[in-house]
Amino acid sequence: FSEPSMDKVLVLDSATQLSNSILAMVMKV
């Protein structure tokens, strides 16, 4: 959830793969 909290962290692995995936998605559409 979006409440401020110092005892949890969201990790996205990775920005590189996300960029490739988004490009593939928009090209597919």
mmCIF file of all heavy atoms, coordinates in Angstrom:
data_MODEL
# 
_entry.id   MODEL 
# 
loop_
_atom_site.group_PDB 
_atom_site.id 
_atom_site.type_symbol 
_atom_site.label_atom_id 
_atom_site.label_alt_id 
_atom_site.label_comp_id 
_atom_site.label_asym_id 
_atom_site.label_entity_id 
_atom_site.label_seq_id 
_atom_site.pdbx_PDB_ins_code 
_atom_site.Cartn_x 
_atom_site.Cartn_y 
_atom_site.Cartn_z 
_atom_site.occupancy 
_atom_site.B_iso_or_equiv 
_atom_site.pdbx_formal_charge 
_atom_site.auth_seq_id 
_atom_site.auth_comp_id 
_atom_site.auth_asym_id 
_atom_site.auth_atom_id 
_atom_site.pdbx_PDB_model_num 
ATOM 1   N N   . PHE A 1 1  ? 0.814  -1.206  0.000   1.00 0.00 ? 1  PHE A N   1 
ATOM 2   C CA  . PHE A 1 1  ? 0.000  0.000   0.000   1.00 0.00 ? 1  PHE A CA  1 
ATOM 3   C C   . PHE A 1 1  ? 0.849  1.257   0.000   1.00 0.00 ? 1  PHE A C   1 
ATOM 4   O O   . PHE A 1 1  ? 2.048  1.224   0.246   1.00 0.00 ? 1  PHE A O   1 
ATOM 5   C CB  . PHE A 1 1  ? -0.942 0.003   1.213   1.00 0.00 ? 1  PHE A CB  1 
ATOM 6   C CG  . PHE A 1 1  ? -1.942 -1.113  1.183   1.00 0.00 ? 1  PHE A CG  1 
ATOM 7   C CD1 . PHE A 1 1  ? -2.059 -1.976  2.253   1.00 0.00 ? 1  PHE A CD1 1 
ATOM 8   C CD2 . PHE A 1 1  ? -2.750 -1.306  0.075   1.00 0.00 ? 1  PHE A CD2 1 
ATOM 9   C CE1 . PHE A 1 1  ? -2.980 -3.008  2.228   1.00 0.00 ? 1  PHE A CE1 1 
ATOM 10  C CE2 . PHE A 1 1  ? -3.671 -2.326  0.044   1.00 0.00 ? 1  PHE A CE2 1 
ATOM 11  C CZ  . PHE A 1 1  ? -3.796 -3.190  1.127   1.00 0.00 ? 1  PHE A CZ  1 
ATOM 12  N N   . SER A 1 2  ? 0.209  2.386   -0.262  1.00 0.00 ? 2  SER A N   1 
ATOM 13  C CA  . SER A 1 2  ? 0.950  3.631   -0.448  1.00 0.00 ? 2  SER A CA  1 
ATOM 14  C C   . SER A 1 2  ? 1.137  4.447   0.829   1.00 0.00 ? 2  SER A C   1 
ATOM 15  O O   . SER A 1 2  ? 1.625  5.563   0.768   1.00 0.00 ? 2  SER A O   1 
ATOM 16  C CB  . SER A 1 2  ? 0.253  4.505   -1.499  1.00 0.00 ? 2  SER A CB  1 
ATOM 17  O OG  . SER A 1 2  ? -1.064 4.799   -1.110  1.00 0.00 ? 2  SER A OG  1 
ATOM 18  N N   . GLU A 1 3  ? 0.752  3.908   2.004   1.00 0.00 ? 3  GLU A N   1 
ATOM 19  C CA  . GLU A 1 3  ? 1.056  4.628   3.227   1.00 0.00 ? 3  GLU A CA  1 
ATOM 20  C C   . GLU A 1 3  ? 2.568  4.665   3.438   1.00 0.00 ? 3  GLU A C   1 
ATOM 21  O O   . GLU A 1 3  ? 3.262  3.687   3.159   1.00 0.00 ? 3  GLU A O   1 
ATOM 22  C CB  . GLU A 1 3  ? 0.395  3.960   4.440   1.00 0.00 ? 3  GLU A CB  1 
ATOM 23  C CG  . GLU A 1 3  ? -1.106 4.161   4.526   1.00 0.00 ? 3  GLU A CG  1 
ATOM 24  C CD  . GLU A 1 3  ? -1.882 3.156   3.694   1.00 0.00 ? 3  GLU A CD  1 
ATOM 25  O OE1 . GLU A 1 3  ? -1.228 2.360   2.987   1.00 0.00 ? 3  GLU A OE1 1 
ATOM 26  O OE2 . GLU A 1 3  ? -3.113 3.179   3.750   1.00 0.00 ? 3  GLU A OE2 1 
ATOM 27  N N   . PRO A 1 4  ? 3.103  5.791   3.929   1.00 0.00 ? 4  PRO A N   1 
ATOM 28  C CA  . PRO A 1 4  ? 4.546  5.851   4.194   1.00 0.00 ? 4  PRO A CA  1 
ATOM 29  C C   . PRO A 1 4  ? 4.972  4.749   5.154   1.00 0.00 ? 4  PRO A C   1 
ATOM 30  O O   . PRO A 1 4  ? 4.310  4.496   6.153   1.00 0.00 ? 4  PRO A O   1 
ATOM 31  C CB  . PRO A 1 4  ? 4.725  7.237   4.831   1.00 0.00 ? 4  PRO A CB  1 
ATOM 32  C CG  . PRO A 1 4  ? 3.536  8.021   4.393   1.00 0.00 ? 4  PRO A CG  1 
ATOM 33  C CD  . PRO A 1 4  ? 2.409  7.041   4.271   1.00 0.00 ? 4  PRO A CD  1 
ATOM 34  N N   . SER A 1 5  ? 6.028  4.079   4.830   1.00 0.00 ? 5  SER A N   1 
ATOM 35  C CA  . SER A 1 5  ? 6.520  3.005   5.690   1.00 0.00 ? 5  SER A CA  1 
ATOM 36  C C   . SER A 1 5  ? 8.002  2.822   5.463   1.00 0.00 ? 5  SER A C   1 
ATOM 37  O O   . SER A 1 5  ? 8.459  2.724   4.331   1.00 0.00 ? 5  SER A O   1 
ATOM 38  C CB  . SER A 1 5  ? 5.776  1.699   5.398   1.00 0.00 ? 5  SER A CB  1 
ATOM 39  O OG  . SER A 1 5  ? 6.323  0.657   6.162   1.00 0.00 ? 5  SER A OG  1 
ATOM 40  N N   . MET A 1 6  ? 8.751  2.758   6.558   1.00 0.00 ? 6  MET A N   1 
ATOM 41  C CA  . MET A 1 6  ? 10.189 2.541   6.466   1.00 0.00 ? 6  MET A CA  1 
ATOM 42  C C   . MET A 1 6  ? 10.548 1.070   6.577   1.00 0.00 ? 6  MET A C   1 
ATOM 43  O O   . MET A 1 6  ? 11.716 0.715   6.467   1.00 0.00 ? 6  MET A O   1 
ATOM 44  C CB  . MET A 1 6  ? 10.911 3.340   7.549   1.00 0.00 ? 6  MET A CB  1 
ATOM 45  C CG  . MET A 1 6  ? 10.886 4.844   7.335   1.00 0.00 ? 6  MET A CG  1 
ATOM 46  S SD  . MET A 1 6  ? 11.712 5.361   5.809   1.00 0.00 ? 6  MET A SD  1 
ATOM 47  C CE  . MET A 1 6  ? 13.413 4.945   6.196   1.00 0.00 ? 6  MET A CE  1 
ATOM 48  N N   . ASP A 1 7  ? 9.562  0.208   6.801   1.00 0.00 ? 7  ASP A N   1 
ATOM 49  C CA  . ASP A 1 7  ? 9.887  -1.197  7.037   1.00 0.00 ? 7  ASP A CA  1 
ATOM 50  C C   . ASP A 1 7  ? 9.546  -2.086  5.842   1.00 0.00 ? 7  ASP A C   1 
ATOM 51  O O   . ASP A 1 7  ? 9.484  -3.303  5.972   1.00 0.00 ? 7  ASP A O   1 
ATOM 52  C CB  . ASP A 1 7  ? 9.182  -1.711  8.295   1.00 0.00 ? 7  ASP A CB  1 
ATOM 53  C CG  . ASP A 1 7  ? 7.659  -1.678  8.187   1.00 0.00 ? 7  ASP A CG  1 
ATOM 54  O OD1 . ASP A 1 7  ? 7.149  -1.201  7.153   1.00 0.00 ? 7  ASP A OD1 1 
ATOM 55  O OD2 . ASP A 1 7  ? 7.002  -2.113  9.141   1.00 0.00 ? 7  ASP A OD2 1 
ATOM 56  N N   . LYS A 1 8  ? 9.319  -1.479  4.672   1.00 0.00 ? 8  LYS A N   1 
ATOM 57  C CA  . LYS A 1 8  ? 9.111  -2.272  3.472   1.00 0.00 ? 8  LYS A CA  1 
ATOM 58  C C   . LYS A 1 8  ? 9.598  -1.490  2.259   1.00 0.00 ? 8  LYS A C   1 
ATOM 59  O O   . LYS A 1 8  ? 9.658  -0.265  2.252   1.00 0.00 ? 8  LYS A O   1 
ATOM 60  C CB  . LYS A 1 8  ? 7.645  -2.676  3.306   1.00 0.00 ? 8  LYS A CB  1 
ATOM 61  C CG  . LYS A 1 8  ? 6.656  -1.535  3.230   1.00 0.00 ? 8  LYS A CG  1 
ATOM 62  C CD  . LYS A 1 8  ? 5.230  -2.091  3.192   1.00 0.00 ? 8  LYS A CD  1 
ATOM 63  C CE  . LYS A 1 8  ? 4.212  -0.958  3.202   1.00 0.00 ? 8  LYS A CE  1 
ATOM 64  N NZ  . LYS A 1 8  ? 2.830  -1.479  3.206   1.00 0.00 ? 8  LYS A NZ  1 
ATOM 65  N N   . VAL A 1 9  ? 9.968  -2.249  1.220   1.00 0.00 ? 9  VAL A N   1 
ATOM 66  C CA  . VAL A 1 9  ? 10.513 -1.641  0.018   1.00 0.00 ? 9  VAL A CA  1 
ATOM 67  C C   . VAL A 1 9  ? 10.015 -2.406  -1.205  1.00 0.00 ? 9  VAL A C   1 
ATOM 68  O O   . VAL A 1 9  ? 9.900  -3.632  -1.182  1.00 0.00 ? 9  VAL A O   1 
ATOM 69  C CB  . VAL A 1 9  ? 12.061 -1.612  0.064   1.00 0.00 ? 9  VAL A CB  1 
ATOM 70  C CG1 . VAL A 1 9  ? 12.634 -3.011  0.211   1.00 0.00 ? 9  VAL A CG1 1 
ATOM 71  C CG2 . VAL A 1 9  ? 12.643 -0.933  -1.171  1.00 0.00 ? 9  VAL A CG2 1 
ATOM 72  N N   . LEU A 1 10 ? 9.700  -1.680  -2.257  1.00 0.00 ? 10 LEU A N   1 
ATOM 73  C CA  . LEU A 1 10 ? 9.309  -2.268  -3.531  1.00 0.00 ? 10 LEU A CA  1 
ATOM 74  C C   . LEU A 1 10 ? 10.516 -2.272  -4.458  1.00 0.00 ? 10 LEU A C   1 
ATOM 75  O O   . LEU A 1 10 ? 11.186 -1.244  -4.632  1.00 0.00 ? 10 LEU A O   1 
ATOM 76  C CB  . LEU A 1 10 ? 8.166  -1.468  -4.160  1.00 0.00 ? 10 LEU A CB  1 
ATOM 77  C CG  . LEU A 1 10 ? 7.730  -1.883  -5.572  1.00 0.00 ? 10 LEU A CG  1 
ATOM 78  C CD1 . LEU A 1 10 ? 7.174  -3.301  -5.567  1.00 0.00 ? 10 LEU A CD1 1 
ATOM 79  C CD2 . LEU A 1 10 ? 6.698  -0.907  -6.117  1.00 0.00 ? 10 LEU A CD2 1 
ATOM 80  N N   . VAL A 1 11 ? 10.805 -3.422  -5.063  1.00 0.00 ? 11 VAL A N   1 
ATOM 81  C CA  . VAL A 1 11 ? 11.947 -3.561  -5.969  1.00 0.00 ? 11 VAL A CA  1 
ATOM 82  C C   . VAL A 1 11 ? 11.445 -3.933  -7.357  1.00 0.00 ? 11 VAL A C   1 
ATOM 83  O O   . VAL A 1 11 ? 10.676 -4.891  -7.505  1.00 0.00 ? 11 VAL A O   1 
ATOM 84  C CB  . VAL A 1 11 ? 12.931 -4.636  -5.466  1.00 0.00 ? 11 VAL A CB  1 
ATOM 85  C CG1 . VAL A 1 11 ? 14.090 -4.794  -6.443  1.00 0.00 ? 11 VAL A CG1 1 
ATOM 86  C CG2 . VAL A 1 11 ? 13.440 -4.279  -4.076  1.00 0.00 ? 11 VAL A CG2 1 
ATOM 87  N N   . LEU A 1 12 ? 11.886 -3.195  -8.371  1.00 0.00 ? 12 LEU A N   1 
ATOM 88  C CA  . LEU A 1 12 ? 11.571 -3.513  -9.762  1.00 0.00 ? 12 LEU A CA  1 
ATOM 89  C C   . LEU A 1 12 ? 12.849 -3.979  -10.446 1.00 0.00 ? 12 LEU A C   1 
ATOM 90  O O   . LEU A 1 12 ? 13.831 -3.239  -10.535 1.00 0.00 ? 12 LEU A O   1 
ATOM 91  C CB  . LEU A 1 12 ? 11.023 -2.283  -10.485 1.00 0.00 ? 12 LEU A CB  1 
ATOM 92  C CG  . LEU A 1 12 ? 10.622 -2.509  -11.944 1.00 0.00 ? 12 LEU A CG  1 
ATOM 93  C CD1 . LEU A 1 12 ? 9.330  -3.313  -12.013 1.00 0.00 ? 12 LEU A CD1 1 
ATOM 94  C CD2 . LEU A 1 12 ? 10.460 -1.179  -12.677 1.00 0.00 ? 12 LEU A CD2 1 
ATOM 95  N N   . ASP A 1 13 ? 12.832 -5.215  -10.949 1.00 0.00 ? 13 ASP A N   1 
ATOM 96  C CA  . ASP A 1 13 ? 14.015 -5.804  -11.575 1.00 0.00 ? 13 ASP A CA  1 
ATOM 97  C C   . ASP A 1 13 ? 13.615 -6.314  -12.976 1.00 0.00 ? 13 ASP A C   1 
ATOM 98  O O   . ASP A 1 13 ? 12.998 -7.360  -13.104 1.00 0.00 ? 13 ASP A O   1 
ATOM 99  C CB  . ASP A 1 13 ? 14.533 -6.952  -10.705 1.00 0.00 ? 13 ASP A CB  1 
ATOM 100 C CG  . ASP A 1 13 ? 15.903 -7.451  -11.113 1.00 0.00 ? 13 ASP A CG  1 
ATOM 101 O OD1 . ASP A 1 13 ? 16.451 -6.912  -12.085 1.00 0.00 ? 13 ASP A OD1 1 
ATOM 102 O OD2 . ASP A 1 13 ? 16.409 -8.376  -10.454 1.00 0.00 ? 13 ASP A OD2 1 
ATOM 103 N N   . SER A 1 14 ? 13.924 -5.614  -14.047 1.00 0.00 ? 14 SER A N   1 
ATOM 104 C CA  . SER A 1 14 ? 14.756 -4.427  -14.048 1.00 0.00 ? 14 SER A CA  1 
ATOM 105 C C   . SER A 1 14 ? 14.125 -3.373  -14.951 1.00 0.00 ? 14 SER A C   1 
ATOM 106 O O   . SER A 1 14 ? 13.221 -3.671  -15.737 1.00 0.00 ? 14 SER A O   1 
ATOM 107 C CB  . SER A 1 14 ? 16.146 -4.780  -14.588 1.00 0.00 ? 14 SER A CB  1 
ATOM 108 O OG  . SER A 1 14 ? 16.050 -5.150  -15.966 1.00 0.00 ? 14 SER A OG  1 
ATOM 109 N N   . ALA A 1 15 ? 14.652 -2.140  -14.873 1.00 0.00 ? 15 ALA A N   1 
ATOM 110 C CA  . ALA A 1 15 ? 14.200 -1.079  -15.771 1.00 0.00 ? 15 ALA A CA  1 
ATOM 111 C C   . ALA A 1 15 ? 14.532 -1.418  -17.215 1.00 0.00 ? 15 ALA A C   1 
ATOM 112 O O   . ALA A 1 15 ? 13.788 -1.067  -18.134 1.00 0.00 ? 15 ALA A O   1 
ATOM 113 C CB  . ALA A 1 15 ? 14.856 0.240   -15.368 1.00 0.00 ? 15 ALA A CB  1 
ATOM 114 N N   . THR A 1 16 ? 15.641 -2.096  -17.415 1.00 0.00 ? 16 THR A N   1 
ATOM 115 C CA  . THR A 1 16 ? 16.050 -2.483  -18.765 1.00 0.00 ? 16 THR A CA  1 
ATOM 116 C C   . THR A 1 16 ? 15.030 -3.446  -19.377 1.00 0.00 ? 16 THR A C   1 
ATOM 117 O O   . THR A 1 16 ? 14.584 -3.267  -20.514 1.00 0.00 ? 16 THR A O   1 
ATOM 118 C CB  . THR A 1 16 ? 17.432 -3.144  -18.730 1.00 0.00 ? 16 THR A CB  1 
ATOM 119 O OG1 . THR A 1 16 ? 18.335 -2.303  -18.006 1.00 0.00 ? 16 THR A OG1 1 
ATOM 120 C CG2 . THR A 1 16 ? 17.958 -3.387  -20.130 1.00 0.00 ? 16 THR A CG2 1 
ATOM 121 N N   . GLN A 1 17 ? 14.653 -4.470  -18.616 1.00 0.00 ? 17 GLN A N   1 
ATOM 122 C CA  . GLN A 1 17 ? 13.680 -5.443  -19.113 1.00 0.00 ? 17 GLN A CA  1 
ATOM 123 C C   . GLN A 1 17 ? 12.309 -4.791  -19.293 1.00 0.00 ? 17 GLN A C   1 
ATOM 124 O O   . GLN A 1 17 ? 11.592 -5.092  -20.253 1.00 0.00 ? 17 GLN A O   1 
ATOM 125 C CB  . GLN A 1 17 ? 13.574 -6.626  -18.147 1.00 0.00 ? 17 GLN A CB  1 
ATOM 126 C CG  . GLN A 1 17 ? 12.668 -7.755  -18.614 1.00 0.00 ? 17 GLN A CG  1 
ATOM 127 C CD  . GLN A 1 17 ? 13.204 -8.442  -19.860 1.00 0.00 ? 17 GLN A CD  1 
ATOM 128 O OE1 . GLN A 1 17 ? 14.413 -8.540  -20.044 1.00 0.00 ? 17 GLN A OE1 1 
ATOM 129 N NE2 . GLN A 1 17 ? 12.310 -8.917  -20.710 1.00 0.00 ? 17 GLN A NE2 1 
ATOM 130 N N   . LEU A 1 18 ? 11.958 -3.880  -18.385 1.00 0.00 ? 18 LEU A N   1 
ATOM 131 C CA  . LEU A 1 18 ? 10.677 -3.185  -18.516 1.00 0.00 ? 18 LEU A CA  1 
ATOM 132 C C   . LEU A 1 18 ? 10.638 -2.362  -19.796 1.00 0.00 ? 18 LEU A C   1 
ATOM 133 O O   . LEU A 1 18 ? 9.624  -2.351  -20.503 1.00 0.00 ? 18 LEU A O   1 
ATOM 134 C CB  . LEU A 1 18 ? 10.445 -2.285  -17.307 1.00 0.00 ? 18 LEU A CB  1 
ATOM 135 C CG  . LEU A 1 18 ? 9.159  -1.455  -17.338 1.00 0.00 ? 18 LEU A CG  1 
ATOM 136 C CD1 . LEU A 1 18 ? 7.932  -2.357  -17.367 1.00 0.00 ? 18 LEU A CD1 1 
ATOM 137 C CD2 . LEU A 1 18 ? 9.097  -0.503  -16.144 1.00 0.00 ? 18 LEU A CD2 1 
ATOM 138 N N   . SER A 1 19 ? 11.732 -1.670  -20.113 1.00 0.00 ? 19 SER A N   1 
ATOM 139 C CA  . SER A 1 19 ? 11.794 -0.872  -21.343 1.00 0.00 ? 19 SER A CA  1 
ATOM 140 C C   . SER A 1 19 ? 11.576 -1.745  -22.573 1.00 0.00 ? 19 SER A C   1 
ATOM 141 O O   . SER A 1 19 ? 10.817 -1.391  -23.483 1.00 0.00 ? 19 SER A O   1 
ATOM 142 C CB  . SER A 1 19 ? 13.142 -0.167  -21.445 1.00 0.00 ? 19 SER A CB  1 
ATOM 143 O OG  . SER A 1 19 ? 13.328 0.728   -20.372 1.00 0.00 ? 19 SER A OG  1 
ATOM 144 N N   . ASN A 1 20 ? 12.251 -2.894  -22.608 1.00 0.00 ? 20 ASN A N   1 
ATOM 145 C CA  . ASN A 1 20 ? 12.109 -3.813  -23.737 1.00 0.00 ? 20 ASN A CA  1 
ATOM 146 C C   . ASN A 1 20 ? 10.688 -4.355  -23.831 1.00 0.00 ? 20 ASN A C   1 
ATOM 147 O O   . ASN A 1 20 ? 10.118 -4.490  -24.926 1.00 0.00 ? 20 ASN A O   1 
ATOM 148 C CB  . ASN A 1 20 ? 13.094 -4.968  -23.604 1.00 0.00 ? 20 ASN A CB  1 
ATOM 149 C CG  . ASN A 1 20 ? 14.542 -4.526  -23.711 1.00 0.00 ? 20 ASN A CG  1 
ATOM 150 O OD1 . ASN A 1 20 ? 14.840 -3.486  -24.290 1.00 0.00 ? 20 ASN A OD1 1 
ATOM 151 N ND2 . ASN A 1 20 ? 15.447 -5.312  -23.148 1.00 0.00 ? 20 ASN A ND2 1 
ATOM 152 N N   . SER A 1 21 ? 10.111 -4.658  -22.673 1.00 0.00 ? 21 SER A N   1 
ATOM 153 C CA  . SER A 1 21 ? 8.765  -5.218  -22.640 1.00 0.00 ? 21 SER A CA  1 
ATOM 154 C C   . SER A 1 21 ? 7.727  -4.189  -23.106 1.00 0.00 ? 21 SER A C   1 
ATOM 155 O O   . SER A 1 21 ? 6.805  -4.512  -23.862 1.00 0.00 ? 21 SER A O   1 
ATOM 156 C CB  . SER A 1 21 ? 8.440  -5.695  -21.221 1.00 0.00 ? 21 SER A CB  1 
ATOM 157 O OG  . SER A 1 21 ? 7.185  -6.337  -21.175 1.00 0.00 ? 21 SER A OG  1 
ATOM 158 N N   . ILE A 1 22 ? 7.878  -2.948  -22.659 1.00 0.00 ? 22 ILE A N   1 
ATOM 159 C CA  . ILE A 1 22 ? 6.952  -1.891  -23.077 1.00 0.00 ? 22 ILE A CA  1 
ATOM 160 C C   . ILE A 1 22 ? 7.043  -1.660  -24.578 1.00 0.00 ? 22 ILE A C   1 
ATOM 161 O O   . ILE A 1 22 ? 6.027  -1.513  -25.268 1.00 0.00 ? 22 ILE A O   1 
ATOM 162 C CB  . ILE A 1 22 ? 7.229  -0.588  -22.305 1.00 0.00 ? 22 ILE A CB  1 
ATOM 163 C CG1 . ILE A 1 22 ? 6.796  -0.736  -20.843 1.00 0.00 ? 22 ILE A CG1 1 
ATOM 164 C CG2 . ILE A 1 22 ? 6.506  0.591   -22.955 1.00 0.00 ? 22 ILE A CG2 1 
ATOM 165 C CD1 . ILE A 1 22 ? 7.147  0.446   -19.964 1.00 0.00 ? 22 ILE A CD1 1 
ATOM 166 N N   . LEU A 1 23 ? 8.261  -1.641  -25.110 1.00 0.00 ? 23 LEU A N   1 
ATOM 167 C CA  . LEU A 1 23 ? 8.414  -1.447  -26.552 1.00 0.00 ? 23 LEU A CA  1 
ATOM 168 C C   . LEU A 1 23 ? 7.749  -2.579  -27.324 1.00 0.00 ? 23 LEU A C   1 
ATOM 169 O O   . LEU A 1 23 ? 7.055  -2.346  -28.326 1.00 0.00 ? 23 LEU A O   1 
ATOM 170 C CB  . LEU A 1 23 ? 9.899  -1.357  -26.912 1.00 0.00 ? 23 LEU A CB  1 
ATOM 171 C CG  . LEU A 1 23 ? 10.209 -1.052  -28.380 1.00 0.00 ? 23 LEU A CG  1 
ATOM 172 C CD1 . LEU A 1 23 ? 9.621  0.290   -28.800 1.00 0.00 ? 23 LEU A CD1 1 
ATOM 173 C CD2 . LEU A 1 23 ? 11.716 -1.085  -28.638 1.00 0.00 ? 23 LEU A CD2 1 
ATOM 174 N N   . ALA A 1 24 ? 7.935  -3.813  -26.849 1.00 0.00 ? 24 ALA A N   1 
ATOM 175 C CA  . ALA A 1 24 ? 7.286  -4.955  -27.508 1.00 0.00 ? 24 ALA A CA  1 
ATOM 176 C C   . ALA A 1 24 ? 5.764  -4.827  -27.425 1.00 0.00 ? 24 ALA A C   1 
ATOM 177 O O   . ALA A 1 24 ? 5.050  -5.149  -28.389 1.00 0.00 ? 24 ALA A O   1 
ATOM 178 C CB  . ALA A 1 24 ? 7.748  -6.254  -26.861 1.00 0.00 ? 24 ALA A CB  1 
ATOM 179 N N   . MET A 1 25 ? 5.256  -4.333  -26.287 1.00 0.00 ? 25 MET A N   1 
ATOM 180 C CA  . MET A 1 25 ? 3.807  -4.192  -26.103 1.00 0.00 ? 25 MET A CA  1 
ATOM 181 C C   . MET A 1 25 ? 3.219  -3.158  -27.064 1.00 0.00 ? 25 MET A C   1 
ATOM 182 O O   . MET A 1 25 ? 2.211  -3.419  -27.729 1.00 0.00 ? 25 MET A O   1 
ATOM 183 C CB  . MET A 1 25 ? 3.497  -3.799  -24.658 1.00 0.00 ? 25 MET A CB  1 
ATOM 184 C CG  . MET A 1 25 ? 2.023  -3.591  -24.368 1.00 0.00 ? 25 MET A CG  1 
ATOM 185 S SD  . MET A 1 25 ? 1.712  -3.134  -22.643 1.00 0.00 ? 25 MET A SD  1 
ATOM 186 C CE  . MET A 1 25 ? 2.379  -1.457  -22.627 1.00 0.00 ? 25 MET A CE  1 
ATOM 187 N N   . VAL A 1 26 ? 3.856  -1.981  -27.158 1.00 0.00 ? 26 VAL A N   1 
ATOM 188 C CA  . VAL A 1 26 ? 3.297  -0.931  -28.009 1.00 0.00 ? 26 VAL A CA  1 
ATOM 189 C C   . VAL A 1 26 ? 3.419  -1.309  -29.489 1.00 0.00 ? 26 VAL A C   1 
ATOM 190 O O   . VAL A 1 26 ? 2.551  -0.964  -30.301 1.00 0.00 ? 26 VAL A O   1 
ATOM 191 C CB  . VAL A 1 26 ? 3.959  0.433   -27.728 1.00 0.00 ? 26 VAL A CB  1 
ATOM 192 C CG1 . VAL A 1 26 ? 3.703  0.866   -26.290 1.00 0.00 ? 26 VAL A CG1 1 
ATOM 193 C CG2 . VAL A 1 26 ? 5.439  0.431   -28.016 1.00 0.00 ? 26 VAL A CG2 1 
ATOM 194 N N   . MET A 1 27 ? 4.482  -2.039  -29.853 1.00 0.00 ? 27 MET A N   1 
ATOM 195 C CA  . MET A 1 27 ? 4.622  -2.489  -31.236 1.00 0.00 ? 27 MET A CA  1 
ATOM 196 C C   . MET A 1 27 ? 3.575  -3.551  -31.567 1.00 0.00 ? 27 MET A C   1 
ATOM 197 O O   . MET A 1 27 ? 3.027  -3.579  -32.676 1.00 0.00 ? 27 MET A O   1 
ATOM 198 C CB  . MET A 1 27 ? 6.029  -3.034  -31.477 1.00 0.00 ? 27 MET A CB  1 
ATOM 199 C CG  . MET A 1 27 ? 7.104  -1.964  -31.481 1.00 0.00 ? 27 MET A CG  1 
ATOM 200 S SD  . MET A 1 27 ? 8.775  -2.639  -31.734 1.00 0.00 ? 27 MET A SD  1 
ATOM 201 C CE  . MET A 1 27 ? 8.628  -3.285  -33.416 1.00 0.00 ? 27 MET A CE  1 
ATOM 202 N N   . LYS A 1 28 ? 3.279  -4.402  -30.601 1.00 0.00 ? 28 LYS A N   1 
ATOM 203 C CA  . LYS A 1 28 ? 2.264  -5.434  -30.812 1.00 0.00 ? 28 LYS A CA  1 
ATOM 204 C C   . LYS A 1 28 ? 0.891  -4.800  -31.014 1.00 0.00 ? 28 LYS A C   1 
ATOM 205 O O   . LYS A 1 28 ? 0.134  -5.202  -31.907 1.00 0.00 ? 28 LYS A O   1 
ATOM 206 C CB  . LYS A 1 28 ? 2.253  -6.390  -29.612 1.00 0.00 ? 28 LYS A CB  1 
ATOM 207 C CG  . LYS A 1 28 ? 1.328  -7.582  -29.776 1.00 0.00 ? 28 LYS A CG  1 
ATOM 208 C CD  . LYS A 1 28 ? 1.465  -8.526  -28.586 1.00 0.00 ? 28 LYS A CD  1 
ATOM 209 C CE  . LYS A 1 28 ? 0.574  -9.748  -28.747 1.00 0.00 ? 28 LYS A CE  1 
ATOM 210 N NZ  . LYS A 1 28 ? 0.720  -10.684 -27.583 1.00 0.00 ? 28 LYS A NZ  1 
ATOM 211 N N   . VAL A 1 29 ? 0.580  -3.803  -30.198 1.00 0.00 ? 29 VAL A N   1 
ATOM 212 C CA  . VAL A 1 29 ? -0.699 -3.098  -30.333 1.00 0.00 ? 29 VAL A CA  1 
ATOM 213 C C   . VAL A 1 29 ? -0.799 -2.414  -31.694 1.00 0.00 ? 29 VAL A C   1 
ATOM 214 O O   . VAL A 1 29 ? -1.871 -2.361  -32.305 1.00 0.00 ? 29 VAL A O   1 
ATOM 215 C CB  . VAL A 1 29 ? -0.856 -2.059  -29.194 1.00 0.00 ? 29 VAL A CB  1 
ATOM 216 C CG1 . VAL A 1 29 ? -2.057 -1.159  -29.452 1.00 0.00 ? 29 VAL A CG1 1 
ATOM 217 C CG2 . VAL A 1 29 ? -1.010 -2.768  -27.853 1.00 0.00 ? 29 VAL A CG2 1 
# 
